[in-house]
Amino acid sequence: MGARGLCYTCNAMEVAMLAIRLPQDIESRLADLAAKTGRTKTFYAREAILEYLDEMEDRYLAIDRLENQSKRWTLDELEQDLDLVR
């Protein structure tokens, strides 16, 4: 299962192919890890990409929020607007 609980190896899912060039040392490390764990290099490449994407999406969202500031609400303001009692 992937970072978001989705099955990225299910046959029923439509998948796209991506070919990447890696320096030999990184490919060797990836191959060694795959051999030691019984997983495929594709599994580890996919997991690494998903984790990196999550981090980068969060980072750019935070940067965008800092650069394009809009109205901010405190918790008290939200609760008051929603008529919630603590």
Protein backbone atom coordinates (compact mmCIF):
# COMPACT_ATOMS: atom_id res chain seq x y z
CA MET A 1 0.00 0.00 0.00
CA GLY A 2 1.18 3.50 -0.74
CA ALA A 3 1.53 6.49 1.52
CA ARG A 4 -2.15 7.29 1.19
CA GLY A 5 -3.39 3.73 1.65
CA LEU A 6 -3.91 3.10 -2.05
CA CYS A 7 -2.74 -0.02 -3.82
CA TYR A 8 -0.24 1.11 -6.43
CA THR A 9 0.44 -2.35 -7.76
CA CYS A 10 -3.15 -3.48 -8.35
CA ASN A 11 -3.68 -4.76 -11.89
CA ALA A 12 -7.11 -3.14 -12.16
CA MET A 13 -5.61 0.31 -11.84
CA GLU A 14 -4.55 2.29 -14.88
CA VAL A 15 -0.83 2.98 -14.65
CA ALA A 16 1.66 5.06 -16.59
CA MET A 17 5.24 4.14 -17.34
CA LEU A 18 8.16 6.36 -16.36
CA ALA A 19 11.77 5.64 -17.30
CA ILE A 20 14.49 7.40 -15.35
CA ARG A 21 18.25 7.49 -15.60
CA LEU A 22 20.10 6.91 -12.34
CA PRO A 23 23.77 7.16 -11.53
CA GLN A 24 25.24 3.67 -11.22
CA ASP A 25 25.83 3.99 -7.48
CA ILE A 26 22.18 4.81 -6.79
CA GLU A 27 20.94 2.03 -9.06
CA SER A 28 23.25 -0.42 -7.27
CA ARG A 29 21.93 0.66 -3.87
CA LEU A 30 18.37 0.29 -5.13
CA ALA A 31 19.11 -3.17 -6.58
CA ASP A 32 20.79 -4.28 -3.33
CA LEU A 33 17.84 -3.10 -1.24
CA ALA A 34 15.39 -4.85 -3.54
CA ALA A 35 17.39 -8.09 -3.42
CA LYS A 36 17.71 -8.01 0.38
CA THR A 37 14.00 -7.40 0.95
CA GLY A 38 12.42 -9.36 -1.87
CA ARG A 39 10.69 -6.26 -3.19
CA THR A 40 11.17 -4.78 -6.63
CA LYS A 41 13.20 -1.73 -7.54
CA THR A 42 9.97 -0.32 -8.93
CA PHE A 43 8.32 -0.67 -5.50
CA TYR A 44 11.05 1.37 -3.81
CA ALA A 45 11.23 3.97 -6.58
CA ARG A 46 7.45 4.43 -6.41
CA GLU A 47 7.48 4.73 -2.61
CA ALA A 48 10.32 7.26 -2.71
CA ILE A 49 8.52 9.35 -5.33
CA LEU A 50 5.26 9.30 -3.38
CA GLU A 51 6.96 10.35 -0.14
CA TYR A 52 8.86 13.13 -1.91
CA LEU A 53 5.70 14.33 -3.67
CA ASP A 54 3.85 14.54 -0.35
CA GLU A 55 6.67 16.60 1.15
CA MET A 56 7.00 18.91 -1.86
CA GLU A 57 3.25 19.48 -2.14
CA ASP A 58 3.15 20.46 1.54
CA ARG A 59 6.19 22.70 1.13
CA TYR A 60 4.82 24.58 -1.88
CA LEU A 61 1.41 24.93 -0.25
CA ALA A 62 3.10 26.50 2.80
CA ILE A 63 5.19 28.82 0.62
CA ASP A 64 2.09 29.85 -1.34
CA ARG A 65 0.20 30.58 1.88
CA LEU A 66 3.07 32.72 3.16
CA GLU A 67 3.44 34.63 -0.10
CA ASN A 68 -0.31 35.07 -0.71
CA GLN A 69 -1.67 35.72 2.73
CA SER A 70 -5.40 35.91 3.16
CA LYS A 71 -7.75 36.13 6.12
CA ARG A 72 -6.71 34.00 9.08
CA TRP A 73 -9.05 32.86 11.85
CA THR A 74 -8.26 31.89 15.39
CA LEU A 75 -9.81 28.76 16.87
CA ASP A 76 -12.04 30.93 19.04
CA GLU A 77 -13.29 32.85 15.98
CA LEU A 78 -14.07 29.64 14.12
CA GLU A 79 -15.92 28.14 17.06
CA GLN A 80 -17.90 31.34 17.54
CA ASP A 81 -18.81 31.53 13.84
CA LEU A 82 -19.89 27.88 13.87
CA ASP A 83 -21.73 28.34 17.18
CA LEU A 84 -19.66 25.63 18.84
CA VAL A 85 -19.18 25.47 22.58
CA ARG A 86 -15.94 24.20 24.08
